[in-house]
Amino acid sequence: VKCMLLAGFGDVTVVDMDHVVPSNLSRCVFFRDADAGRGKAEAVAERA
């Protein structure tokens, strides 16, 4: 998603059923500490 938005993709749908956990934070550019327990798709969409 990061690369797509920087490249100008205009309409992106992100689907995921999981929630953010602390071990995601070292690898996921859009997640923050406060996102623990939040839906991954929602967190990505908000910040992307």
ModelCIF file with pLDDT and N, C-alpha, C, O atoms, coordinates in Angstrom:
data_MODEL
#
_entry.id   MODEL 
#
_entity.id                         1 
_entity.type                       polymer 
_entity.pdbx_number_of_molecules   1 
#
_entity_poly.entity_id                      1 
_entity_poly.type                           'polypeptide(L)' 
_entity_poly.nstd_linkage                   no 
_entity_poly.nstd_monomer                   no 
_entity_poly.pdbx_seq_one_letter_code       VKCMLLAGFGDVTVVDMDHVVPSNLSRCVFFRDADAGRGKAEAVAERA 
_entity_poly.pdbx_seq_one_letter_code_can   VKCMLLAGFGDVTVVDMDHVVPSNLSRCVFFRDADAGRGKAEAVAERA 
_entity_poly.pdbx_strand_id                 A 
#
loop_
_entity_poly_seq.entity_id 
_entity_poly_seq.num 
_entity_poly_seq.mon_id 
_entity_poly_seq.hetero 
1 1  VAL n 
1 2  LYS n 
1 3  CYS n 
1 4  MET n 
1 5  LEU n 
1 6  LEU n 
1 7  ALA n 
1 8  GLY n 
1 9  PHE n 
1 10 GLY n 
1 11 ASP n 
1 12 VAL n 
1 13 THR n 
1 14 VAL n 
1 15 VAL n 
1 16 ASP n 
1 17 MET n 
1 18 ASP n 
1 19 HIS n 
1 20 VAL n 
1 21 VAL n 
1 22 PRO n 
1 23 SER n 
1 24 ASN n 
1 25 LEU n 
1 26 SER n 
1 27 ARG n 
1 28 CYS n 
1 29 VAL n 
1 30 PHE n 
1 31 PHE n 
1 32 ARG n 
1 33 ASP n 
1 34 ALA n 
1 35 ASP n 
1 36 ALA n 
1 37 GLY n 
1 38 ARG n 
1 39 GLY n 
1 40 LYS n 
1 41 ALA n 
1 42 GLU n 
1 43 ALA n 
1 44 VAL n 
1 45 ALA n 
1 46 GLU n 
1 47 ARG n 
1 48 ALA n 
#
_struct_asym.id          A 
_struct_asym.entity_id   1 
#
loop_
_ma_qa_metric.id 
_ma_qa_metric.mode 
_ma_qa_metric.name 
_ma_qa_metric.software_group_id 
_ma_qa_metric.type 
1 global pLDDT . pLDDT 
2 local  pLDDT . pLDDT 
#
_ma_qa_metric_global.metric_id      1 
_ma_qa_metric_global.metric_value   96.06 
_ma_qa_metric_global.model_id       1 
_ma_qa_metric_global.ordinal_id     1 
#
loop_
_ma_qa_metric_local.label_asym_id 
_ma_qa_metric_local.label_comp_id 
_ma_qa_metric_local.label_seq_id 
_ma_qa_metric_local.metric_id 
_ma_qa_metric_local.metric_value 
_ma_qa_metric_local.model_id 
_ma_qa_metric_local.ordinal_id 
A VAL 1  2 98.00 1 1  
A LYS 2  2 98.00 1 2  
A CYS 3  2 97.00 1 3  
A MET 4  2 98.00 1 4  
A LEU 5  2 97.00 1 5  
A LEU 6  2 96.00 1 6  
A ALA 7  2 96.00 1 7  
A GLY 8  2 95.00 1 8  
A PHE 9  2 97.00 1 9  
A GLY 10 2 93.00 1 10 
A ASP 11 2 98.00 1 11 
A VAL 12 2 98.00 1 12 
A THR 13 2 98.00 1 13 
A VAL 14 2 98.00 1 14 
A VAL 15 2 98.00 1 15 
A ASP 16 2 97.00 1 16 
A MET 17 2 95.00 1 17 
A ASP 18 2 95.00 1 18 
A HIS 19 2 96.00 1 19 
A VAL 20 2 97.00 1 20 
A VAL 21 2 95.00 1 21 
A PRO 22 2 95.00 1 22 
A SER 23 2 93.00 1 23 
A ASN 24 2 94.00 1 24 
A LEU 25 2 94.00 1 25 
A SER 26 2 93.00 1 26 
A ARG 27 2 93.00 1 27 
A CYS 28 2 96.00 1 28 
A VAL 29 2 96.00 1 29 
A PHE 30 2 97.00 1 30 
A PHE 31 2 97.00 1 31 
A ARG 32 2 96.00 1 32 
A ASP 33 2 96.00 1 33 
A ALA 34 2 96.00 1 34 
A ASP 35 2 96.00 1 35 
A ALA 36 2 95.00 1 36 
A GLY 37 2 96.00 1 37 
A ARG 38 2 96.00 1 38 
A GLY 39 2 97.00 1 39 
A LYS 40 2 98.00 1 40 
A ALA 41 2 98.00 1 41 
A GLU 42 2 97.00 1 42 
A ALA 43 2 97.00 1 43 
A VAL 44 2 97.00 1 44 
A ALA 45 2 96.00 1 45 
A GLU 46 2 94.00 1 46 
A ARG 47 2 94.00 1 47 
A ALA 48 2 94.00 1 48 
#
loop_
_atom_site.group_PDB 
_atom_site.id 
_atom_site.type_symbol 
_atom_site.label_atom_id 
_atom_site.label_alt_id 
_atom_site.label_comp_id 
_atom_site.label_asym_id 
_atom_site.label_entity_id 
_atom_site.label_seq_id 
_atom_site.pdbx_PDB_ins_code 
_atom_site.Cartn_x 
_atom_site.Cartn_y 
_atom_site.Cartn_z 
_atom_site.occupancy 
_atom_site.B_iso_or_equiv 
_atom_site.pdbx_formal_charge 
_atom_site.auth_seq_id 
_atom_site.auth_comp_id 
_atom_site.auth_asym_id 
_atom_site.auth_atom_id 
_atom_site.pdbx_PDB_model_num 
ATOM 1   N N  . VAL A 1 1  ? 0.837  -1.203 0.000  1.00 98.00 ? 1  VAL A N  1 
ATOM 2   C CA . VAL A 1 1  ? 0.000  0.000  0.000  1.00 98.00 ? 1  VAL A CA 1 
ATOM 3   C C  . VAL A 1 1  ? 0.874  1.256  0.000  1.00 98.00 ? 1  VAL A C  1 
ATOM 4   O O  . VAL A 1 1  ? 0.579  2.221  -0.705 1.00 98.00 ? 1  VAL A O  1 
ATOM 5   N N  . LYS A 1 2  ? 1.934  1.241  0.782  1.00 98.00 ? 2  LYS A N  1 
ATOM 6   C CA . LYS A 1 2  ? 2.849  2.390  0.796  1.00 98.00 ? 2  LYS A CA 1 
ATOM 7   C C  . LYS A 1 2  ? 3.372  2.695  -0.609 1.00 98.00 ? 2  LYS A C  1 
ATOM 8   O O  . LYS A 1 2  ? 3.312  3.837  -1.065 1.00 98.00 ? 2  LYS A O  1 
ATOM 9   N N  . CYS A 1 3  ? 3.884  1.673  -1.289 1.00 97.00 ? 3  CYS A N  1 
ATOM 10  C CA . CYS A 1 3  ? 4.427  1.874  -2.634 1.00 97.00 ? 3  CYS A CA 1 
ATOM 11  C C  . CYS A 1 3  ? 3.345  2.308  -3.618 1.00 97.00 ? 3  CYS A C  1 
ATOM 12  O O  . CYS A 1 3  ? 3.592  3.148  -4.484 1.00 97.00 ? 3  CYS A O  1 
ATOM 13  N N  . MET A 1 4  ? 2.153  1.740  -3.487 1.00 98.00 ? 4  MET A N  1 
ATOM 14  C CA . MET A 1 4  ? 1.071  2.094  -4.400 1.00 98.00 ? 4  MET A CA 1 
ATOM 15  C C  . MET A 1 4  ? 0.675  3.560  -4.252 1.00 98.00 ? 4  MET A C  1 
ATOM 16  O O  . MET A 1 4  ? 0.485  4.258  -5.248 1.00 98.00 ? 4  MET A O  1 
ATOM 17  N N  . LEU A 1 5  ? 0.551  4.023  -3.021 1.00 97.00 ? 5  LEU A N  1 
ATOM 18  C CA . LEU A 1 5  ? 0.148  5.415  -2.800 1.00 97.00 ? 5  LEU A CA 1 
ATOM 19  C C  . LEU A 1 5  ? 1.232  6.377  -3.265 1.00 97.00 ? 5  LEU A C  1 
ATOM 20  O O  . LEU A 1 5  ? 0.921  7.414  -3.852 1.00 97.00 ? 5  LEU A O  1 
ATOM 21  N N  . LEU A 1 6  ? 2.492  6.057  -3.016 1.00 96.00 ? 6  LEU A N  1 
ATOM 22  C CA . LEU A 1 6  ? 3.575  6.916  -3.490 1.00 96.00 ? 6  LEU A CA 1 
ATOM 23  C C  . LEU A 1 6  ? 3.638  6.943  -5.011 1.00 96.00 ? 6  LEU A C  1 
ATOM 24  O O  . LEU A 1 6  ? 4.071  7.932  -5.603 1.00 96.00 ? 6  LEU A O  1 
ATOM 25  N N  . ALA A 1 7  ? 3.202  5.846  -5.648 1.00 96.00 ? 7  ALA A N  1 
ATOM 26  C CA . ALA A 1 7  ? 3.209  5.775  -7.110 1.00 96.00 ? 7  ALA A CA 1 
ATOM 27  C C  . ALA A 1 7  ? 1.953  6.374  -7.736 1.00 96.00 ? 7  ALA A C  1 
ATOM 28  O O  . ALA A 1 7  ? 1.856  6.457  -8.960 1.00 96.00 ? 7  ALA A O  1 
ATOM 29  N N  . GLY A 1 8  ? 0.990  6.793  -6.915 1.00 95.00 ? 8  GLY A N  1 
ATOM 30  C CA . GLY A 1 8  ? -0.178 7.490  -7.449 1.00 95.00 ? 8  GLY A CA 1 
ATOM 31  C C  . GLY A 1 8  ? -1.414 6.657  -7.684 1.00 95.00 ? 8  GLY A C  1 
ATOM 32  O O  . GLY A 1 8  ? -2.348 7.118  -8.340 1.00 95.00 ? 8  GLY A O  1 
ATOM 33  N N  . PHE A 1 9  ? -1.447 5.437  -7.168 1.00 97.00 ? 9  PHE A N  1 
ATOM 34  C CA . PHE A 1 9  ? -2.665 4.629  -7.319 1.00 97.00 ? 9  PHE A CA 1 
ATOM 35  C C  . PHE A 1 9  ? -3.815 5.354  -6.631 1.00 97.00 ? 9  PHE A C  1 
ATOM 36  O O  . PHE A 1 9  ? -3.705 5.759  -5.474 1.00 97.00 ? 9  PHE A O  1 
ATOM 37  N N  . GLY A 1 10 ? -4.926 5.515  -7.360 1.00 93.00 ? 10 GLY A N  1 
ATOM 38  C CA . GLY A 1 10 ? -5.971 6.410  -6.878 1.00 93.00 ? 10 GLY A CA 1 
ATOM 39  C C  . GLY A 1 10 ? -7.066 5.778  -6.052 1.00 93.00 ? 10 GLY A C  1 
ATOM 40  O O  . GLY A 1 10 ? -7.720 6.474  -5.276 1.00 93.00 ? 10 GLY A O  1 
ATOM 41  N N  . ASP A 1 11 ? -7.292 4.465  -6.191 1.00 98.00 ? 11 ASP A N  1 
ATOM 42  C CA . ASP A 1 11 ? -8.416 3.826  -5.507 1.00 98.00 ? 11 ASP A CA 1 
ATOM 43  C C  . ASP A 1 11 ? -7.986 2.427  -5.081 1.00 98.00 ? 11 ASP A C  1 
ATOM 44  O O  . ASP A 1 11 ? -7.869 1.524  -5.909 1.00 98.00 ? 11 ASP A O  1 
ATOM 45  N N  . VAL A 1 12 ? -7.754 2.261  -3.788 1.00 98.00 ? 12 VAL A N  1 
ATOM 46  C CA . VAL A 1 12 ? -7.231 1.006  -3.248 1.00 98.00 ? 12 VAL A CA 1 
ATOM 47  C C  . VAL A 1 12 ? -8.168 0.483  -2.168 1.00 98.00 ? 12 VAL A C  1 
ATOM 48  O O  . VAL A 1 12 ? -8.508 1.205  -1.231 1.00 98.00 ? 12 VAL A O  1 
ATOM 49  N N  . THR A 1 13 ? -8.583 -0.771 -2.298 1.00 98.00 ? 13 THR A N  1 
ATOM 50  C CA . THR A 1 13 ? -9.361 -1.446 -1.266 1.00 98.00 ? 13 THR A CA 1 
ATOM 51  C C  . THR A 1 13 ? -8.449 -2.422 -0.536 1.00 98.00 ? 13 THR A C  1 
ATOM 52  O O  . THR A 1 13 ? -7.757 -3.221 -1.167 1.00 98.00 ? 13 THR A O  1 
ATOM 53  N N  . VAL A 1 14 ? -8.447 -2.359 0.796  1.00 98.00 ? 14 VAL A N  1 
ATOM 54  C CA . VAL A 1 14 ? -7.597 -3.225 1.617  1.00 98.00 ? 14 VAL A CA 1 
ATOM 55  C C  . VAL A 1 14 ? -8.490 -4.136 2.445  1.00 98.00 ? 14 VAL A C  1 
ATOM 56  O O  . VAL A 1 14 ? -9.324 -3.657 3.213  1.00 98.00 ? 14 VAL A O  1 
ATOM 57  N N  . VAL A 1 15 ? -8.322 -5.456 2.294  1.00 98.00 ? 15 VAL A N  1 
ATOM 58  C CA . VAL A 1 15 ? -9.143 -6.404 3.044  1.00 98.00 ? 15 VAL A CA 1 
ATOM 59  C C  . VAL A 1 15 ? -8.260 -7.232 3.973  1.00 98.00 ? 15 VAL A C  1 
ATOM 60  O O  . VAL A 1 15 ? -7.242 -7.784 3.555  1.00 98.00 ? 15 VAL A O  1 
ATOM 61  N N  . ASP A 1 16 ? -8.669 -7.310 5.246  1.00 97.00 ? 16 ASP A N  1 
ATOM 62  C CA . ASP A 1 16 ? -7.950 -8.118 6.234  1.00 97.00 ? 16 ASP A CA 1 
ATOM 63  C C  . ASP A 1 16 ? -8.864 -8.305 7.437  1.00 97.00 ? 16 ASP A C  1 
ATOM 64  O O  . ASP A 1 16 ? -9.550 -7.370 7.851  1.00 97.00 ? 16 ASP A O  1 
ATOM 65  N N  . MET A 1 17 ? -8.876 -9.506 7.997  1.00 95.00 ? 17 MET A N  1 
ATOM 66  C CA . MET A 1 17 ? -9.752 -9.795 9.138  1.00 95.00 ? 17 MET A CA 1 
ATOM 67  C C  . MET A 1 17 ? -9.033 -9.650 10.472 1.00 95.00 ? 17 MET A C  1 
ATOM 68  O O  . MET A 1 17 ? -9.676 -9.700 11.520 1.00 95.00 ? 17 MET A O  1 
ATOM 69  N N  . ASP A 1 18 ? -7.700 -9.468 10.458 1.00 95.00 ? 18 ASP A N  1 
ATOM 70  C CA . ASP A 1 18 ? -6.906 -9.496 11.683 1.00 95.00 ? 18 ASP A CA 1 
ATOM 71  C C  . ASP A 1 18 ? -6.821 -8.144 12.385 1.00 95.00 ? 18 ASP A C  1 
ATOM 72  O O  . ASP A 1 18 ? -7.239 -7.112 11.860 1.00 95.00 ? 18 ASP A O  1 
ATOM 73  N N  . HIS A 1 19 ? -6.261 -8.193 13.595 1.00 96.00 ? 19 HIS A N  1 
ATOM 74  C CA . HIS A 1 19 ? -6.041 -7.006 14.395 1.00 96.00 ? 19 HIS A CA 1 
ATOM 75  C C  . HIS A 1 19 ? -4.543 -6.806 14.639 1.00 96.00 ? 19 HIS A C  1 
ATOM 76  O O  . HIS A 1 19 ? -3.756 -7.750 14.566 1.00 96.00 ? 19 HIS A O  1 
ATOM 77  N N  . VAL A 1 20 ? -4.176 -5.582 14.925 1.00 97.00 ? 20 VAL A N  1 
ATOM 78  C CA . VAL A 1 20 ? -2.780 -5.232 15.157 1.00 97.00 ? 20 VAL A CA 1 
ATOM 79  C C  . VAL A 1 20 ? -2.325 -5.774 16.512 1.00 97.00 ? 20 VAL A C  1 
ATOM 80  O O  . VAL A 1 20 ? -3.044 -5.677 17.507 1.00 97.00 ? 20 VAL A O  1 
ATOM 81  N N  . VAL A 1 21 ? -1.108 -6.351 16.532 1.00 95.00 ? 21 VAL A N  1 
ATOM 82  C CA . VAL A 1 21 ? -0.467 -6.786 17.776 1.00 95.00 ? 21 VAL A CA 1 
ATOM 83  C C  . VAL A 1 21 ? 0.916  -6.124 17.841 1.00 95.00 ? 21 VAL A C  1 
ATOM 84  O O  . VAL A 1 21 ? 1.454  -5.725 16.808 1.00 95.00 ? 21 VAL A O  1 
ATOM 85  N N  . PRO A 1 22 ? 1.495  -6.003 19.043 1.00 95.00 ? 22 PRO A N  1 
ATOM 86  C CA . PRO A 1 22 ? 2.778  -5.294 19.171 1.00 95.00 ? 22 PRO A CA 1 
ATOM 87  C C  . PRO A 1 22 ? 3.892  -5.803 18.268 1.00 95.00 ? 22 PRO A C  1 
ATOM 88  O O  . PRO A 1 22 ? 4.718  -5.009 17.818 1.00 95.00 ? 22 PRO A O  1 
ATOM 89  N N  . SER A 1 23 ? 3.940  -7.110 17.989 1.00 93.00 ? 23 SER A N  1 
ATOM 90  C CA . SER A 1 23 ? 5.032  -7.626 17.153 1.00 93.00 ? 23 SER A CA 1 
ATOM 91  C C  . SER A 1 23 ? 4.913  -7.182 15.699 1.00 93.00 ? 23 SER A C  1 
ATOM 92  O O  . SER A 1 23 ? 5.854  -7.364 14.925 1.00 93.00 ? 23 SER A O  1 
ATOM 93  N N  . ASN A 1 24 ? 3.771  -6.602 15.308 1.00 94.00 ? 24 ASN A N  1 
ATOM 94  C CA . ASN A 1 24 ? 3.632  -6.052 13.957 1.00 94.00 ? 24 ASN A CA 1 
ATOM 95  C C  . ASN A 1 24 ? 4.430  -4.760 13.779 1.00 94.00 ? 24 ASN A C  1 
ATOM 96  O O  . ASN A 1 24 ? 4.779  -4.394 12.656 1.00 94.00 ? 24 ASN A O  1 
ATOM 97  N N  . LEU A 1 25 ? 4.721  -4.067 14.889 1.00 94.00 ? 25 LEU A N  1 
ATOM 98  C CA . LEU A 1 25 ? 5.195  -2.689 14.800 1.00 94.00 ? 25 LEU A CA 1 
ATOM 99  C C  . LEU A 1 25 ? 6.568  -2.543 14.162 1.00 94.00 ? 25 LEU A C  1 
ATOM 100 O O  . LEU A 1 25 ? 6.875  -1.484 13.616 1.00 94.00 ? 25 LEU A O  1 
ATOM 101 N N  . SER A 1 26 ? 7.397  -3.571 14.216 1.00 93.00 ? 26 SER A N  1 
ATOM 102 C CA . SER A 1 26 ? 8.733  -3.458 13.623 1.00 93.00 ? 26 SER A CA 1 
ATOM 103 C C  . SER A 1 26 ? 8.729  -3.660 12.122 1.00 93.00 ? 26 SER A C  1 
ATOM 104 O O  . SER A 1 26 ? 9.748  -3.445 11.465 1.00 93.00 ? 26 SER A O  1 
ATOM 105 N N  . ARG A 1 27 ? 7.589  -4.074 11.564 1.00 93.00 ? 27 ARG A N  1 
ATOM 106 C CA . ARG A 1 27 ? 7.553  -4.394 10.137 1.00 93.00 ? 27 ARG A CA 1 
ATOM 107 C C  . ARG A 1 27 ? 6.459  -3.673 9.363  1.00 93.00 ? 27 ARG A C  1 
ATOM 108 O O  . ARG A 1 27 ? 6.404  -3.773 8.137  1.00 93.00 ? 27 ARG A O  1 
ATOM 109 N N  . CYS A 1 28 ? 5.598  -2.956 10.051 1.00 96.00 ? 28 CYS A N  1 
ATOM 110 C CA . CYS A 1 28 ? 4.418  -2.377 9.395  1.00 96.00 ? 28 CYS A CA 1 
ATOM 111 C C  . CYS A 1 28 ? 4.442  -0.862 9.501  1.00 96.00 ? 28 CYS A C  1 
ATOM 112 O O  . CYS A 1 28 ? 4.230  -0.308 10.579 1.00 96.00 ? 28 CYS A O  1 
ATOM 113 N N  . VAL A 1 29 ? 4.698  -0.198 8.394  1.00 96.00 ? 29 VAL A N  1 
ATOM 114 C CA . VAL A 1 29 ? 4.957  1.238  8.385  1.00 96.00 ? 29 VAL A CA 1 
ATOM 115 C C  . VAL A 1 29 ? 3.754  2.065  8.841  1.00 96.00 ? 29 VAL A C  1 
ATOM 116 O O  . VAL A 1 29 ? 3.937  3.180  9.329  1.00 96.00 ? 29 VAL A O  1 
ATOM 117 N N  . PHE A 1 30 ? 2.531  1.551  8.696  1.00 97.00 ? 30 PHE A N  1 
ATOM 118 C CA . PHE A 1 30 ? 1.350  2.339  9.035  1.00 97.00 ? 30 PHE A CA 1 
ATOM 119 C C  . PHE A 1 30 ? 0.838  2.122  10.459 1.00 97.00 ? 30 PHE A C  1 
ATOM 120 O O  . PHE A 1 30 ? -0.062 2.839  10.895 1.00 97.00 ? 30 PHE A O  1 
ATOM 121 N N  . PHE A 1 31 ? 1.384  1.158  11.189 1.00 97.00 ? 31 PHE A N  1 
ATOM 122 C CA . PHE A 1 31 ? 0.880  0.856  12.524 1.00 97.00 ? 31 PHE A CA 1 
ATOM 123 C C  . PHE A 1 31 ? 1.651  1.619  13.598 1.00 97.00 ? 31 PHE A C  1 
ATOM 124 O O  . PHE A 1 31 ? 2.842  1.896  13.457 1.00 97.00 ? 31 PHE A O  1 
ATOM 125 N N  . ARG A 1 32 ? 0.932  1.953  14.684 1.00 96.00 ? 32 ARG A N  1 
ATOM 126 C CA . ARG A 1 32 ? 1.520  2.641  15.833 1.00 96.00 ? 32 ARG A CA 1 
ATOM 127 C C  . ARG A 1 32 ? 1.194  1.856  17.105 1.00 96.00 ? 32 ARG A C  1 
ATOM 128 O O  . ARG A 1 32 ? 0.338  0.972  17.091 1.00 96.00 ? 32 ARG A O  1 
ATOM 129 N N  . ASP A 1 33 ? 1.878  2.181  18.202 1.00 96.00 ? 33 ASP A N  1 
ATOM 130 C CA . ASP A 1 33 ? 1.642  1.482  19.469 1.00 96.00 ? 33 ASP A CA 1 
ATOM 131 C C  . ASP A 1 33 ? 0.172  1.534  19.871 1.00 96.00 ? 33 ASP A C  1 
ATOM 132 O O  . ASP A 1 33 ? -0.374 0.556  20.382 1.00 96.00 ? 33 ASP A O  1 
ATOM 133 N N  . ALA A 1 34 ? -0.459 2.667  19.639 1.00 96.00 ? 34 ALA A N  1 
ATOM 134 C CA . ALA A 1 34 ? -1.852 2.837  20.050 1.00 96.00 ? 34 ALA A CA 1 
ATOM 135 C C  . ALA A 1 34 ? -2.823 2.006  19.221 1.00 96.00 ? 34 ALA A C  1 
ATOM 136 O O  . ALA A 1 34 ? -4.006 1.935  19.553 1.00 96.00 ? 34 ALA A O  1 
ATOM 137 N N  . ASP A 1 35 ? -2.349 1.379  18.151 1.00 96.00 ? 35 ASP A N  1 
ATOM 138 C CA . ASP A 1 35 ? -3.224 0.593  17.278 1.00 96.00 ? 35 ASP A CA 1 
ATOM 139 C C  . ASP A 1 35 ? -3.433 -0.835 17.766 1.00 96.00 ? 35 ASP A C  1 
ATOM 140 O O  . ASP A 1 35 ? -4.220 -1.569 17.170 1.00 96.00 ? 35 ASP A O  1 
ATOM 141 N N  . ALA A 1 36 ? -2.753 -1.250 18.830 1.00 95.00 ? 36 ALA A N  1 
ATOM 142 C CA . ALA A 1 36 ? -2.899 -2.618 19.325 1.00 95.00 ? 36 ALA A CA 1 
ATOM 143 C C  . ALA A 1 36 ? -4.370 -2.942 19.554 1.00 95.00 ? 36 ALA A C  1 
ATOM 144 O O  . ALA A 1 36 ? -5.074 -2.216 20.255 1.00 95.00 ? 36 ALA A O  1 
ATOM 145 N N  . GLY A 1 37 ? -4.825 -4.040 18.955 1.00 96.00 ? 37 GLY A N  1 
ATOM 146 C CA . GLY A 1 37 ? -6.215 -4.450 19.055 1.00 96.00 ? 37 GLY A CA 1 
ATOM 147 C C  . GLY A 1 37 ? -7.108 -3.868 17.979 1.00 96.00 ? 37 GLY A C  1 
ATOM 148 O O  . GLY A 1 37 ? -8.263 -4.276 17.853 1.00 96.00 ? 37 GLY A O  1 
ATOM 149 N N  . ARG A 1 38 ? -6.605 -2.932 17.206 1.00 96.00 ? 38 ARG A N  1 
ATOM 150 C CA . ARG A 1 38 ? -7.381 -2.302 16.139 1.00 96.00 ? 38 ARG A CA 1 
ATOM 151 C C  . ARG A 1 38 ? -7.303 -3.132 14.863 1.00 96.00 ? 38 ARG A C  1 
ATOM 152 O O  . ARG A 1 38 ? -6.321 -3.842 14.647 1.00 96.00 ? 38 ARG A O  1 
ATOM 153 N N  . GLY A 1 39 ? -8.318 -3.052 14.025 1.00 97.00 ? 39 GLY A N  1 
ATOM 154 C CA . GLY A 1 39 ? -8.298 -3.772 12.766 1.00 97.00 ? 39 GLY A CA 1 
ATOM 155 C C  . GLY A 1 39 ? -7.174 -3.293 11.858 1.00 97.00 ? 39 GLY A C  1 
ATOM 156 O O  . GLY A 1 39 ? -6.962 -2.090 11.704 1.00 97.00 ? 39 GLY A O  1 
ATOM 157 N N  . LYS A 1 40 ? -6.458 -4.236 11.260 1.00 98.00 ? 40 LYS A N  1 
ATOM 158 C CA . LYS A 1 40 ? -5.329 -3.878 10.395 1.00 98.00 ? 40 LYS A CA 1 
ATOM 159 C C  . LYS A 1 40 ? -5.769 -3.057 9.186  1.00 98.00 ? 40 LYS A C  1 
ATOM 160 O O  . LYS A 1 40 ? -5.145 -2.049 8.854  1.00 98.00 ? 40 LYS A O  1 
ATOM 161 N N  . ALA A 1 41 ? -6.841 -3.491 8.532  1.00 98.00 ? 41 ALA A N  1 
ATOM 162 C CA . ALA A 1 41 ? -7.299 -2.785 7.329  1.00 98.00 ? 41 ALA A CA 1 
ATOM 163 C C  . ALA A 1 41 ? -7.661 -1.340 7.650  1.00 98.00 ? 41 ALA A C  1 
ATOM 164 O O  . ALA A 1 41 ? -7.335 -0.429 6.889  1.00 98.00 ? 41 ALA A O  1 
ATOM 165 N N  . GLU A 1 42 ? -8.333 -1.134 8.775  1.00 97.00 ? 42 GLU A N  1 
ATOM 166 C CA . GLU A 1 42 ? -8.734 0.212  9.173  1.00 97.00 ? 42 GLU A CA 1 
ATOM 167 C C  . GLU A 1 42 ? -7.529 1.092  9.457  1.00 97.00 ? 42 GLU A C  1 
ATOM 168 O O  . GLU A 1 42 ? -7.489 2.250  9.041  1.00 97.00 ? 42 GLU A O  1 
ATOM 169 N N  . ALA A 1 43 ? -6.539 0.544  10.169 1.00 97.00 ? 43 ALA A N  1 
ATOM 170 C CA . ALA A 1 43 ? -5.345 1.318  10.498 1.00 97.00 ? 43 ALA A CA 1 
ATOM 171 C C  . ALA A 1 43 ? -4.573 1.711  9.243  1.00 97.00 ? 43 ALA A C  1 
ATOM 172 O O  . ALA A 1 43 ? -4.112 2.846  9.120  1.00 97.00 ? 43 ALA A O  1 
ATOM 173 N N  . VAL A 1 44 ? -4.435 0.769  8.313  1.00 97.00 ? 44 VAL A N  1 
ATOM 174 C CA . VAL A 1 44 ? -3.737 1.065  7.057  1.00 97.00 ? 44 VAL A CA 1 
ATOM 175 C C  . VAL A 1 44 ? -4.470 2.146  6.277  1.00 97.00 ? 44 VAL A C  1 
ATOM 176 O O  . VAL A 1 44 ? -3.852 3.096  5.795  1.00 97.00 ? 44 VAL A O  1 
ATOM 177 N N  . ALA A 1 45 ? -5.779 2.006  6.151  1.00 96.00 ? 45 ALA A N  1 
ATOM 178 C CA . ALA A 1 45 ? -6.558 2.955  5.357  1.00 96.00 ? 45 ALA A CA 1 
ATOM 179 C C  . ALA A 1 45 ? -6.496 4.364  5.920  1.00 96.00 ? 45 ALA A C  1 
ATOM 180 O O  . ALA A 1 45 ? -6.424 5.338  5.170  1.00 96.00 ? 45 ALA A O  1 
ATOM 181 N N  . GLU A 1 46 ? -6.523 4.471  7.250  1.00 94.00 ? 46 GLU A N  1 
ATOM 182 C CA . GLU A 1 46 ? -6.531 5.798  7.872  1.00 94.00 ? 46 GLU A CA 1 
ATOM 183 C C  . GLU A 1 46 ? -5.257 6.571  7.580  1.00 94.00 ? 46 GLU A C  1 
ATOM 184 O O  . GLU A 1 46 ? -5.295 7.771  7.307  1.00 94.00 ? 46 GLU A O  1 
ATOM 185 N N  . ARG A 1 47 ? -4.124 5.871  7.639  1.00 94.00 ? 47 ARG A N  1 
ATOM 186 C CA . ARG A 1 47 ? -2.846 6.585  7.513  1.00 94.00 ? 47 ARG A CA 1 
ATOM 187 C C  . ARG A 1 47 ? -2.299 6.610  6.092  1.00 94.00 ? 47 ARG A C  1 
ATOM 188 O O  . ARG A 1 47 ? -1.466 7.454  5.762  1.00 94.00 ? 47 ARG A O  1 
ATOM 189 N N  . ALA A 1 48 ? -2.756 5.704  5.260  1.00 94.00 ? 48 ALA A N  1 
ATOM 190 C CA . ALA A 1 48 ? -2.187 5.617  3.912  1.00 94.00 ? 48 ALA A CA 1 
ATOM 191 C C  . ALA A 1 48 ? -2.425 6.879  3.099  1.00 94.00 ? 48 ALA A C  1 
ATOM 192 O O  . ALA A 1 48 ? -2.005 6.958  1.944  1.00 94.00 ? 48 ALA A O  1 
#
